[in-house]
Amino acid sequence: MMFILWVLIGIVIYYFVIKKDRIQTKQPKENEAVEVLKLRYVNGELDDQEYEKIKKMIED
């Protein structure tokens, strides 16, 4: 019985300390979109005008 209590306490500590930190450190979706846009630009899928147009749309 005591073992189950310690396991439950461990799970609660894990959730509130470790798991919560991971959730808070995720970047917003906007940053992900900009990163994808940069990759497409670097790979040559977009020219300068398209890149700037889409970047402006994401930032607005």
Foldseek 3Di string as FASTA:
>chain_A
DVVVVVVVVVVVCCCVPVVVVVVVPDDDPLVVVLVVLVVCVVVPVDDPVVSVVVNVVSVD
